[in-house]
Each structure stands twice: as C-alpha cells, then as structure tokens.
Amino acid sequence: MDNVFLNLIDSLLTERESFNRIWFAGGKTQPPQFSYQVNFPRLELVLKGEYINQLDDGDNGICQISLMGGDAIYIPPNSWNKPSWNTECSVLSLLFGKRQLGFSLVSKTKDSPKFYDVQKHSIQAWTGHAVDPILTALNMLATEPQQQPMDEHLLQALLSYTRNMLHVPLHQSKNRTEDLYQGICIYIQENFHRAISRDTIANRFNITPNHLSRLFRQQGHMRLADYICWVRIERAKFMLRQYPFRLTEIASRCGFVDVNYFCRVFKNKTGCTPSEYRVVT
C-alpha cells in the first residue's frame, strides 16, 4: 500500500515543478455541518478533475472555491474545509498527526453517490525532524496576507519530508501493531462526528471487534469506547470556546445521539456542564 503513495508523492515532486494555486483554510467562521475539522494539520492535493470546497477565507468569511488538478489546500489545526464531492476528481490527502503520518486517496465520478477508489495508509512519524518547523511556518503563513512564494517552498519541503518517510524500509519503522493502532486513532479523530462503533471501526480496518478491543488494551492508555468519548468531548470543548453554537448543535456535530446524553457525559468527564464550561473559558 505504501508503494502507491510513494509513487504519487514521487510523481508530484518530479513531474510538477510548482502548484497551480495554493489555498489556506481558516477556522474563525462557524463551519457548516459535516465540515472536516480536526486538531492536526492536513494537506489536500488535487491530482485530477475538479474539487469543489467551502472554506473560511479569513476576512471574507465562507467562500466556495473550485480546485483543479495541480491545486492544493493546506488546512491548519482546527481549521476546516467542506468538500461537495459532486464532481469528478481524484484527491490525495496527507494528515500530519503528532505520532503518525496518514495518507488518503479518494476518487469520485460525477453524479455517482459512491467513491470508486478509496485507499488509506498510515506510518509512524519521525520525532525531532524538520517537519515541525515546516508545519509551524505553514500555520503562521495561513494568517498572512502575502503567502507567495513561501507557500510553494514550504509545501515542496513538506512533500519531500513525506517522500523520505515513505522511503524508510519497513524494518526500520516501529511494529505493524503500533502502526495499526495509530491509524485507527487518526480515523477516529477524523470521524468522531459520525456513528462510529467498535463493529464499524473493526470492519473498516478488516479486523475482528475483539482484536480491536485487545489492540487498545495493549497499545493505548484507555479502552476504545473511552477514547472515542475523549475525542468527542475534546472537540466539544473546542466548539464551546470557539463558536456560539447551541448545545444541540454541538452534540450533533460531536457524534452524540441527543443533547441530554451529551450534557450528562460532558459533566461526568469534566465536572461541569457545557454551559458552565463555556462561561468559565
């Protein structure tokens, strides 16, 4: 699987001297429902077709953009974008977690309700590497009025880092069990707002539910159900601080079945109600 992504990154660095256009997403404006918003940076590269998105364009608020092959979007932590997926396109996404580098390739035909090609992969991230200053510089650049030509140089450096990561022989990376665990953690952080469960996650990663539970007991610091709940509560805290959403809206956006259940879980985990948390923070 990693050879697929290695070939894609290699072709992007060798066949394409520059990006056609680079967009930066923001996070100040309230995100529409079903937007993608996580606490780690992401880079989306349009390989072909037309990729339509809504994003927060700083002072201009929410805007709709049309990206073509050769365009890119950089989404800093806690910023958001909302793809429409109504057009024919192929998009490569890179997810820069603290301990894991995630890859996602999605291809879609126009007017089709389903994707015809979905591939996902994750590998261990290096610590103490130059990627941290690169990401920090990109996050700062996202707030600047003048982004060229530094945006081009920084994204090229980010792709070079990614290629180097994929070139690391398998025996030099940490064990496959830890890679699987970190990949599942990234998946949960991306899909916390959906109706995910032990069974759906196990099916997504082609393992048994019992294997999934055992994986979290061995590799993690909490059970699977507790981890899902922790991710949802952390995102709820962020939304309470950042946006004036009603509690019913926050509950829905964080994957809770109803607002009363959300309030009970929130108080149990934090010691205060969502309304109290919003006032004190």
C-alpha atoms as a PDB file:
ATOM      1  CA  MET A   1       0.000   0.000   0.000  1.00  0.00           C
ATOM      2  CA  ASP A   2       2.810   2.426   0.845  1.00  0.00           C
ATOM      3  CA  ASN A   3       4.236   1.975  -2.692  1.00  0.00           C
ATOM      4  CA  VAL A   4       1.034   3.516  -4.104  1.00  0.00           C
ATOM      5  CA  PHE A   5       1.501   6.677  -2.069  1.00  0.00           C
ATOM      6  CA  LEU A   6       5.267   6.738  -2.592  1.00  0.00           C
ATOM      7  CA  ASN A   7       4.747   6.698  -6.369  1.00  0.00           C
ATOM      8  CA  LEU A   8       2.189   9.514  -6.109  1.00  0.00           C
ATOM      9  CA  ILE A   9       4.487  11.707  -3.998  1.00  0.00           C
ATOM     10  CA  ASP A  10       7.443  10.966  -6.292  1.00  0.00           C
ATOM     11  CA  SER A  11       5.449  11.988  -9.361  1.00  0.00           C
ATOM     12  CA  LEU A  12       4.264  15.192  -7.668  1.00  0.00           C
ATOM     13  CA  LEU A  13       7.858  16.179  -6.868  1.00  0.00           C
ATOM     14  CA  THR A  14       9.447  15.184 -10.183  1.00  0.00           C
ATOM     15  CA  GLU A  15       6.768  15.837 -12.807  1.00  0.00           C
ATOM     16  CA  ARG A  16       5.259  19.026 -11.402  1.00  0.00           C
ATOM     17  CA  GLU A  17       7.621  21.928 -10.755  1.00  0.00           C
ATOM     18  CA  SER A  18       5.036  24.006  -8.912  1.00  0.00           C
ATOM     19  CA  PHE A  19       1.449  24.072  -7.719  1.00  0.00           C
ATOM     20  CA  ASN A  20      -1.068  25.915  -9.884  1.00  0.00           C
ATOM     21  CA  ARG A  21      -2.655  27.536  -6.832  1.00  0.00           C
ATOM     22  CA  ILE A  22      -2.416  27.042  -3.082  1.00  0.00           C
ATOM     23  CA  TRP A  23      -5.328  27.809  -0.772  1.00  0.00           C
ATOM     24  CA  PHE A  24      -5.214  28.165   3.008  1.00  0.00           C
ATOM     25  CA  ALA A  25      -8.264  27.294   5.115  1.00  0.00           C
ATOM     26  CA  GLY A  26      -9.210  29.191   8.272  1.00  0.00           C
ATOM     27  CA  GLY A  27     -11.253  28.392  11.361  1.00  0.00           C
ATOM     28  CA  LYS A  28     -12.700  31.662  12.711  1.00  0.00           C
ATOM     29  CA  THR A  29     -16.037  31.437  10.880  1.00  0.00           C
ATOM     30  CA  GLN A  30     -18.547  28.876  12.126  1.00  0.00           C
ATOM     31  CA  PRO A  31     -18.053  25.738   9.992  1.00  0.00           C
ATOM     32  CA  PRO A  32     -21.058  24.332   8.094  1.00  0.00           C
ATOM     33  CA  GLN A  33     -22.433  20.974   9.161  1.00  0.00           C
ATOM     34  CA  PHE A  34     -20.307  17.983   8.056  1.00  0.00           C
ATOM     35  CA  SER A  35     -17.162  20.053   7.589  1.00  0.00           C
ATOM     36  CA  TYR A  36     -13.803  18.390   8.149  1.00  0.00           C
ATOM     37  CA  GLN A  37     -12.184  19.897  11.251  1.00  0.00           C
ATOM     38  CA  VAL A  38      -9.502  18.145  13.295  1.00  0.00           C
ATOM     39  CA  ASN A  39      -6.710  19.214  15.636  1.00  0.00           C
ATOM     40  CA  PHE A  40      -3.814  18.304  13.337  1.00  0.00           C
ATOM     41  CA  PRO A  41      -2.730  19.863  10.013  1.00  0.00           C
ATOM     42  CA  ARG A  42      -3.787  18.444   6.651  1.00  0.00           C
ATOM     43  CA  LEU A  43      -2.704  18.930   3.051  1.00  0.00           C
ATOM     44  CA  GLU A  44      -5.083  18.101   0.191  1.00  0.00           C
ATOM     45  CA  LEU A  45      -3.666  17.790  -3.336  1.00  0.00           C
ATOM     46  CA  VAL A  46      -5.930  17.603  -6.384  1.00  0.00           C
ATOM     47  CA  LEU A  47      -4.485  15.025  -8.770  1.00  0.00           C
ATOM     48  CA  LYS A  48      -7.114  15.441 -11.479  1.00  0.00           C
ATOM     49  CA  GLY A  49     -10.628  16.718 -12.095  1.00  0.00           C
ATOM     50  CA  GLU A  50     -12.482  19.459 -10.233  1.00  0.00           C
ATOM     51  CA  TYR A  51     -12.632  19.516  -6.425  1.00  0.00           C
ATOM     52  CA  ILE A  52     -15.220  21.963  -5.039  1.00  0.00           C
ATOM     53  CA  ASN A  53     -14.936  23.133  -1.423  1.00  0.00           C
ATOM     54  CA  GLN A  54     -16.280  25.606   1.063  1.00  0.00           C
ATOM     55  CA  LEU A  55     -13.731  27.139   3.410  1.00  0.00           C
ATOM     56  CA  ASP A  56     -13.138  30.083   5.731  1.00  0.00           C
ATOM     57  CA  ASP A  57     -11.235  32.649   3.692  1.00  0.00           C
ATOM     58  CA  GLY A  58     -10.185  34.895   6.573  1.00  0.00           C
ATOM     59  CA  ASP A  59     -11.703  38.386   6.349  1.00  0.00           C
ATOM     60  CA  ASN A  60     -14.050  37.295   3.538  1.00  0.00           C
ATOM     61  CA  GLY A  61     -15.788  34.623   5.608  1.00  0.00           C
ATOM     62  CA  ILE A  62     -17.106  31.451   3.998  1.00  0.00           C
ATOM     63  CA  CYS A  63     -16.434  31.125   0.294  1.00  0.00           C
ATOM     64  CA  GLN A  64     -16.757  28.389  -2.303  1.00  0.00           C
ATOM     65  CA  ILE A  65     -13.694  27.508  -4.335  1.00  0.00           C
ATOM     66  CA  SER A  66     -13.122  25.246  -7.318  1.00  0.00           C
ATOM     67  CA  LEU A  67      -9.765  23.461  -7.348  1.00  0.00           C
ATOM     68  CA  MET A  68      -8.383  21.766 -10.444  1.00  0.00           C
ATOM     69  CA  GLY A  69      -5.560  19.294 -10.954  1.00  0.00           C
ATOM     70  CA  GLY A  70      -2.344  20.792  -9.602  1.00  0.00           C
ATOM     71  CA  ASP A  71      -4.086  22.893  -6.921  1.00  0.00           C
ATOM     72  CA  ALA A  72      -3.691  22.346  -3.178  1.00  0.00           C
ATOM     73  CA  ILE A  73      -5.368  23.259   0.115  1.00  0.00           C
ATOM     74  CA  TYR A  74      -3.444  23.497   3.388  1.00  0.00           C
ATOM     75  CA  ILE A  75      -5.693  23.203   6.455  1.00  0.00           C
ATOM     76  CA  PRO A  76      -4.018  24.206   9.764  1.00  0.00           C
ATOM     77  CA  PRO A  77      -5.060  22.529  13.035  1.00  0.00           C
ATOM     78  CA  ASN A  78      -8.686  23.291  13.983  1.00  0.00           C
ATOM     79  CA  SER A  79      -9.347  24.983  10.658  1.00  0.00           C
ATOM     80  CA  TRP A  80     -11.910  23.421   8.337  1.00  0.00           C
ATOM     81  CA  ASN A  81     -12.995  22.688   4.784  1.00  0.00           C
ATOM     82  CA  LYS A  82     -16.153  21.153   3.356  1.00  0.00           C
ATOM     83  CA  PRO A  83     -15.867  19.225   0.059  1.00  0.00           C
ATOM     84  CA  SER A  84     -19.012  18.823  -2.046  1.00  0.00           C
ATOM     85  CA  TRP A  85     -17.918  15.606  -3.840  1.00  0.00           C
ATOM     86  CA  ASN A  86     -20.394  16.308  -6.654  1.00  0.00           C
ATOM     87  CA  THR A  87     -17.797  16.410  -9.410  1.00  0.00           C
ATOM     88  CA  GLU A  88     -15.288  14.030 -10.950  1.00  0.00           C
ATOM     89  CA  CYS A  89     -11.974  14.278  -9.127  1.00  0.00           C
ATOM     90  CA  SER A  90      -9.099  12.432  -7.522  1.00  0.00           C
ATOM     91  CA  VAL A  91      -7.667  13.877  -4.290  1.00  0.00           C
ATOM     92  CA  LEU A  92      -4.653  12.878  -2.188  1.00  0.00           C
ATOM     93  CA  SER A  93      -4.786  13.930   1.487  1.00  0.00           C
ATOM     94  CA  LEU A  94      -1.837  13.955   3.889  1.00  0.00           C
ATOM     95  CA  LEU A  95      -2.609  14.022   7.618  1.00  0.00           C
ATOM     96  CA  PHE A  96       0.183  15.142   9.947  1.00  0.00           C
ATOM     97  CA  GLY A  97      -0.543  13.686  13.379  1.00  0.00           C
ATOM     98  CA  LYS A  98       1.844  14.013  16.320  1.00  0.00           C
ATOM     99  CA  ARG A  99       2.942  10.390  16.063  1.00  0.00           C
ATOM    100  CA  GLN A 100       1.506   9.298  12.751  1.00  0.00           C
ATOM    101  CA  LEU A 101       1.506  10.349   9.118  1.00  0.00           C
ATOM    102  CA  GLY A 102      -1.754   9.426   7.392  1.00  0.00           C
ATOM    103  CA  PHE A 103      -2.472   9.073   3.680  1.00  0.00           C
ATOM    104  CA  SER A 104      -5.839   9.038   1.952  1.00  0.00           C
ATOM    105  CA  LEU A 105      -6.558   8.718  -1.776  1.00  0.00           C
ATOM    106  CA  VAL A 106     -10.161   9.295  -2.872  1.00  0.00           C
ATOM    107  CA  SER A 107     -11.500   9.207  -6.430  1.00  0.00           C
ATOM    108  CA  LYS A 108     -15.042  10.092  -7.491  1.00  0.00           C
ATOM    109  CA  THR A 109     -17.023  10.245 -10.730  1.00  0.00           C
ATOM    110  CA  LYS A 110     -19.600  12.944 -11.363  1.00  0.00           C
ATOM    111  CA  ASP A 111     -23.186  12.238 -10.211  1.00  0.00           C
ATOM    112  CA  SER A 112     -22.165   8.943  -8.589  1.00  0.00           C
ATOM    113  CA  PRO A 113     -23.194   8.549  -4.928  1.00  0.00           C
ATOM    114  CA  LYS A 114     -20.117   6.447  -4.123  1.00  0.00           C
ATOM    115  CA  PHE A 115     -16.358   6.720  -4.485  1.00  0.00           C
ATOM    116  CA  TYR A 116     -14.827   4.262  -6.925  1.00  0.00           C
ATOM    117  CA  ASP A 117     -11.373   4.273  -5.317  1.00  0.00           C
ATOM    118  CA  VAL A 118     -10.597   4.785  -1.631  1.00  0.00           C
ATOM    119  CA  GLN A 119      -7.163   3.905  -0.260  1.00  0.00           C
ATOM    120  CA  LYS A 120      -5.838   4.726   3.201  1.00  0.00           C
ATOM    121  CA  HIS A 121      -2.473   4.138   4.818  1.00  0.00           C
ATOM    122  CA  SER A 122      -0.534   5.357   7.854  1.00  0.00           C
ATOM    123  CA  ILE A 123       3.069   5.165   9.047  1.00  0.00           C
ATOM    124  CA  GLN A 124       4.983   6.207  12.126  1.00  0.00           C
ATOM    125  CA  ALA A 125       6.146   9.833  12.100  1.00  0.00           C
ATOM    126  CA  TRP A 126       9.715  10.767  12.923  1.00  0.00           C
ATOM    127  CA  THR A 127      10.291  12.805  16.045  1.00  0.00           C
ATOM    128  CA  GLY A 128      12.715  15.705  16.221  1.00  0.00           C
ATOM    129  CA  HIS A 129      12.614  16.188  12.453  1.00  0.00           C
ATOM    130  CA  ALA A 130      12.387  19.313  10.323  1.00  0.00           C
ATOM    131  CA  VAL A 131       8.671  18.709   9.695  1.00  0.00           C
ATOM    132  CA  ASP A 132       7.724  20.548  12.909  1.00  0.00           C
ATOM    133  CA  PRO A 133       9.225  23.908  11.802  1.00  0.00           C
ATOM    134  CA  ILE A 134       7.713  23.418   8.329  1.00  0.00           C
ATOM    135  CA  LEU A 135       4.226  22.918   9.762  1.00  0.00           C
ATOM    136  CA  THR A 136       4.667  25.803  12.204  1.00  0.00           C
ATOM    137  CA  ALA A 137       5.686  28.096   9.343  1.00  0.00           C
ATOM    138  CA  LEU A 138       2.691  26.994   7.241  1.00  0.00           C
ATOM    139  CA  ASN A 139       0.302  27.563  10.151  1.00  0.00           C
ATOM    140  CA  MET A 140       1.666  31.095  10.573  1.00  0.00           C
ATOM    141  CA  LEU A 141       1.622  31.735   6.832  1.00  0.00           C
ATOM    142  CA  ALA A 142      -2.087  30.861   6.721  1.00  0.00           C
ATOM    143  CA  THR A 143      -2.824  34.096   8.627  1.00  0.00           C
ATOM    144  CA  GLU A 144      -0.614  36.327   6.459  1.00  0.00           C
ATOM    145  CA  PRO A 145      -1.972  38.475   3.588  1.00  0.00           C
ATOM    146  CA  GLN A 146       1.069  37.684   1.418  1.00  0.00           C
ATOM    147  CA  GLN A 147       1.756  33.966   1.095  1.00  0.00           C
ATOM    148  CA  GLN A 148       3.737  33.644  -2.132  1.00  0.00           C
ATOM    149  CA  PRO A 149       6.400  32.397  -2.777  1.00  0.00           C
ATOM    150  CA  MET A 150       6.917  30.904   0.692  1.00  0.00           C
ATOM    151  CA  ASP A 151       3.795  28.756   0.398  1.00  0.00           C
ATOM    152  CA  GLU A 152       5.267  26.972  -2.636  1.00  0.00           C
ATOM    153  CA  HIS A 153       8.657  26.386  -0.958  1.00  0.00           C
ATOM    154  CA  LEU A 154       7.106  25.103   2.273  1.00  0.00           C
ATOM    155  CA  LEU A 155       4.715  22.689   0.551  1.00  0.00           C
ATOM    156  CA  GLN A 156       7.561  21.317  -1.564  1.00  0.00           C
ATOM    157  CA  ALA A 157       9.547  20.774   1.653  1.00  0.00           C
ATOM    158  CA  LEU A 158       6.546  19.044   3.217  1.00  0.00           C
ATOM    159  CA  LEU A 159       6.248  16.681   0.250  1.00  0.00           C
ATOM    160  CA  SER A 160       9.983  15.946   0.386  1.00  0.00           C
ATOM    161  CA  TYR A 161       9.654  15.037   4.064  1.00  0.00           C
ATOM    162  CA  THR A 162       6.712  12.790   3.231  1.00  0.00           C
ATOM    163  CA  ARG A 163       8.647  11.034   0.482  1.00  0.00           C
ATOM    164  CA  ASN A 164      11.581  10.459   2.844  1.00  0.00           C
ATOM    165  CA  MET A 165       9.195   8.945   5.385  1.00  0.00           C
ATOM    166  CA  LEU A 166       7.827   6.519   2.788  1.00  0.00           C
ATOM    167  CA  HIS A 167      11.344   5.534   1.719  1.00  0.00           C
ATOM    168  CA  VAL A 168      12.164   4.253   5.222  1.00  0.00           C
ATOM    169  CA  PRO A 169      12.414   0.431   4.997  1.00  0.00           C
ATOM    170  CA  LEU A 170       9.697  -1.446   6.842  1.00  0.00           C
ATOM    171  CA  HIS A 171      12.170  -2.992   9.303  1.00  0.00           C
ATOM    172  CA  GLN A 172      13.221   0.487  10.434  1.00  0.00           C
ATOM    173  CA  SER A 173       9.700   1.557  11.328  1.00  0.00           C
ATOM    174  CA  LYS A 174       8.020   0.536  14.543  1.00  0.00           C
ATOM    175  CA  ASN A 175       5.971  -2.635  14.621  1.00  0.00           C
ATOM    176  CA  ARG A 176       2.892  -3.033  12.445  1.00  0.00           C
ATOM    177  CA  THR A 177       0.645  -3.368  15.502  1.00  0.00           C
ATOM    178  CA  GLU A 178       1.507   0.140  16.688  1.00  0.00           C
ATOM    179  CA  ASP A 179       1.062   1.473  13.135  1.00  0.00           C
ATOM    180  CA  LEU A 180      -2.416  -0.063  13.042  1.00  0.00           C
ATOM    181  CA  TYR A 181      -3.291   1.410  16.428  1.00  0.00           C
ATOM    182  CA  GLN A 182      -2.153   4.917  15.437  1.00  0.00           C
ATOM    183  CA  GLY A 183      -4.009   4.643  12.118  1.00  0.00           C
ATOM    184  CA  ILE A 184      -7.221   3.786  13.960  1.00  0.00           C
ATOM    185  CA  CYS A 185      -6.694   6.755  16.296  1.00  0.00           C
ATOM    186  CA  ILE A 186      -6.399   9.080  13.289  1.00  0.00           C
ATOM    187  CA  TYR A 187      -9.534   7.545  11.778  1.00  0.00           C
ATOM    188  CA  ILE A 188     -11.484   8.199  14.989  1.00  0.00           C
ATOM    189  CA  GLN A 189     -10.228  11.800  15.137  1.00  0.00           C
ATOM    190  CA  GLU A 190     -11.418  12.309  11.557  1.00  0.00           C
ATOM    191  CA  ASN A 191     -14.812  10.623  12.019  1.00  0.00           C
ATOM    192  CA  PHE A 192     -15.789  11.419  15.629  1.00  0.00           C
ATOM    193  CA  HIS A 193     -18.946  13.175  14.375  1.00  0.00           C
ATOM    194  CA  ARG A 194     -20.230  10.005  12.696  1.00  0.00           C
ATOM    195  CA  ALA A 195     -21.996   6.989  14.220  1.00  0.00           C
ATOM    196  CA  ILE A 196     -18.772   5.022  14.660  1.00  0.00           C
ATOM    197  CA  SER A 197     -18.635   1.966  16.921  1.00  0.00           C
ATOM    198  CA  ARG A 198     -16.390  -0.979  17.679  1.00  0.00           C
ATOM    199  CA  ASP A 199     -18.006  -3.010  14.906  1.00  0.00           C
ATOM    200  CA  THR A 200     -17.852  -0.297  12.219  1.00  0.00           C
ATOM    201  CA  ILE A 201     -14.216   0.540  13.011  1.00  0.00           C
ATOM    202  CA  ALA A 202     -13.209  -3.129  13.028  1.00  0.00           C
ATOM    203  CA  ASN A 203     -14.917  -3.609   9.674  1.00  0.00           C
ATOM    204  CA  ARG A 204     -13.154  -0.544   8.236  1.00  0.00           C
ATOM    205  CA  PHE A 205      -9.714  -1.954   9.192  1.00  0.00           C
ATOM    206  CA  ASN A 206     -10.545  -5.589   8.366  1.00  0.00           C
ATOM    207  CA  ILE A 207     -10.010  -6.895  11.886  1.00  0.00           C
ATOM    208  CA  THR A 208     -12.354  -8.518  14.392  1.00  0.00           C
ATOM    209  CA  PRO A 209     -14.063  -6.418  17.091  1.00  0.00           C
ATOM    210  CA  ASN A 210     -12.281  -8.461  19.771  1.00  0.00           C
ATOM    211  CA  HIS A 211      -8.915  -7.790  18.115  1.00  0.00           C
ATOM    212  CA  LEU A 212      -9.737  -4.071  18.077  1.00  0.00           C
ATOM    213  CA  SER A 213     -10.549  -4.027  21.790  1.00  0.00           C
ATOM    214  CA  ARG A 214      -7.414  -6.009  22.569  1.00  0.00           C
ATOM    215  CA  LEU A 215      -5.340  -3.575  20.480  1.00  0.00           C
ATOM    216  CA  PHE A 216      -6.479  -0.622  22.602  1.00  0.00           C
ATOM    217  CA  ARG A 217      -5.823  -2.503  25.837  1.00  0.00           C
ATOM    218  CA  GLN A 218      -2.259  -3.304  24.702  1.00  0.00           C
ATOM    219  CA  GLN A 219      -1.254  -0.120  22.883  1.00  0.00           C
ATOM    220  CA  GLY A 220      -3.364   2.660  24.378  1.00  0.00           C
ATOM    221  CA  HIS A 221      -3.995   4.252  27.744  1.00  0.00           C
ATOM    222  CA  MET A 222      -7.760   3.764  27.646  1.00  0.00           C
ATOM    223  CA  ARG A 223     -10.434   1.485  26.213  1.00  0.00           C
ATOM    224  CA  LEU A 224     -11.730   2.063  22.692  1.00  0.00           C
ATOM    225  CA  ALA A 225     -15.094   3.411  23.898  1.00  0.00           C
ATOM    226  CA  ASP A 226     -13.336   5.771  26.309  1.00  0.00           C
ATOM    227  CA  TYR A 227     -11.039   7.013  23.547  1.00  0.00           C
ATOM    228  CA  ILE A 228     -13.967   7.771  21.233  1.00  0.00           C
ATOM    229  CA  CYS A 229     -15.691   9.601  24.074  1.00  0.00           C
ATOM    230  CA  TRP A 230     -12.493  11.527  24.920  1.00  0.00           C
ATOM    231  CA  VAL A 231     -12.093  12.700  21.307  1.00  0.00           C
ATOM    232  CA  ARG A 232     -15.733  13.831  21.188  1.00  0.00           C
ATOM    233  CA  ILE A 233     -15.536  15.695  24.499  1.00  0.00           C
ATOM    234  CA  GLU A 234     -12.288  17.431  23.468  1.00  0.00           C
ATOM    235  CA  ARG A 235     -13.911  18.579  20.220  1.00  0.00           C
ATOM    236  CA  ALA A 236     -16.978  19.745  22.158  1.00  0.00           C
ATOM    237  CA  LYS A 237     -14.702  21.814  24.438  1.00  0.00           C
ATOM    238  CA  PHE A 238     -13.132  23.425  21.385  1.00  0.00           C
ATOM    239  CA  MET A 239     -16.521  24.257  19.860  1.00  0.00           C
ATOM    240  CA  LEU A 240     -17.789  25.696  23.144  1.00  0.00           C
ATOM    241  CA  ARG A 241     -14.753  28.001  23.286  1.00  0.00           C
ATOM    242  CA  GLN A 242     -14.653  28.893  19.605  1.00  0.00           C
ATOM    243  CA  TYR A 243     -18.233  29.145  18.316  1.00  0.00           C
ATOM    244  CA  PRO A 244     -21.639  30.280  19.647  1.00  0.00           C
ATOM    245  CA  PHE A 245     -23.319  27.008  18.645  1.00  0.00           C
ATOM    246  CA  ARG A 246     -26.377  25.887  20.581  1.00  0.00           C
ATOM    247  CA  LEU A 247     -25.783  22.794  22.704  1.00  0.00           C
ATOM    248  CA  THR A 248     -27.987  20.691  20.426  1.00  0.00           C
ATOM    249  CA  GLU A 249     -25.767  21.679  17.503  1.00  0.00           C
ATOM    250  CA  ILE A 250     -22.565  20.825  19.367  1.00  0.00           C
ATOM    251  CA  ALA A 251     -23.986  17.469  20.445  1.00  0.00           C
ATOM    252  CA  SER A 252     -24.870  16.610  16.857  1.00  0.00           C
ATOM    253  CA  ARG A 253     -21.528  17.780  15.455  1.00  0.00           C
ATOM    254  CA  CYS A 254     -19.641  15.703  18.026  1.00  0.00           C
ATOM    255  CA  GLY A 255     -21.484  12.453  17.383  1.00  0.00           C
ATOM    256  CA  PHE A 256     -23.765  12.313  20.439  1.00  0.00           C
ATOM    257  CA  VAL A 257     -27.229  10.859  19.910  1.00  0.00           C
ATOM    258  CA  ASP A 258     -29.026  13.671  21.780  1.00  0.00           C
ATOM    259  CA  VAL A 259     -28.231  16.780  23.773  1.00  0.00           C
ATOM    260  CA  ASN A 260     -29.293  15.378  27.168  1.00  0.00           C
ATOM    261  CA  TYR A 261     -26.910  12.436  26.810  1.00  0.00           C
ATOM    262  CA  PHE A 262     -24.169  14.827  25.681  1.00  0.00           C
ATOM    263  CA  CYS A 263     -24.672  17.035  28.753  1.00  0.00           C
ATOM    264  CA  ARG A 264     -24.573  14.037  31.116  1.00  0.00           C
ATOM    265  CA  VAL A 265     -21.364  12.678  29.576  1.00  0.00           C
ATOM    266  CA  PHE A 266     -19.748  16.122  29.484  1.00  0.00           C
ATOM    267  CA  LYS A 267     -20.403  16.763  33.179  1.00  0.00           C
ATOM    268  CA  ASN A 268     -19.246  13.263  34.097  1.00  0.00           C
ATOM    269  CA  LYS A 269     -15.951  13.769  32.247  1.00  0.00           C
ATOM    270  CA  THR A 270     -15.238  17.417  33.101  1.00  0.00           C
ATOM    271  CA  GLY A 271     -17.056  18.083  36.377  1.00  0.00           C
ATOM    272  CA  CYS A 272     -19.173  20.892  34.910  1.00  0.00           C
ATOM    273  CA  THR A 273     -21.990  21.303  32.406  1.00  0.00           C
ATOM    274  CA  PRO A 274     -21.294  22.516  28.830  1.00  0.00           C
ATOM    275  CA  SER A 275     -22.908  25.872  29.675  1.00  0.00           C
ATOM    276  CA  GLU A 276     -20.749  26.291  32.768  1.00  0.00           C
ATOM    277  CA  TYR A 277     -17.627  25.377  30.765  1.00  0.00           C
ATOM    278  CA  ARG A 278     -18.476  27.969  28.124  1.00  0.00           C
ATOM    279  CA  VAL A 279     -18.799  30.709  30.778  1.00  0.00           C
ATOM    280  CA  VAL A 280     -15.545  29.967  32.623  1.00  0.00           C
ATOM    281  CA  THR A 281     -13.463  29.626  29.455  1.00  0.00           C
END
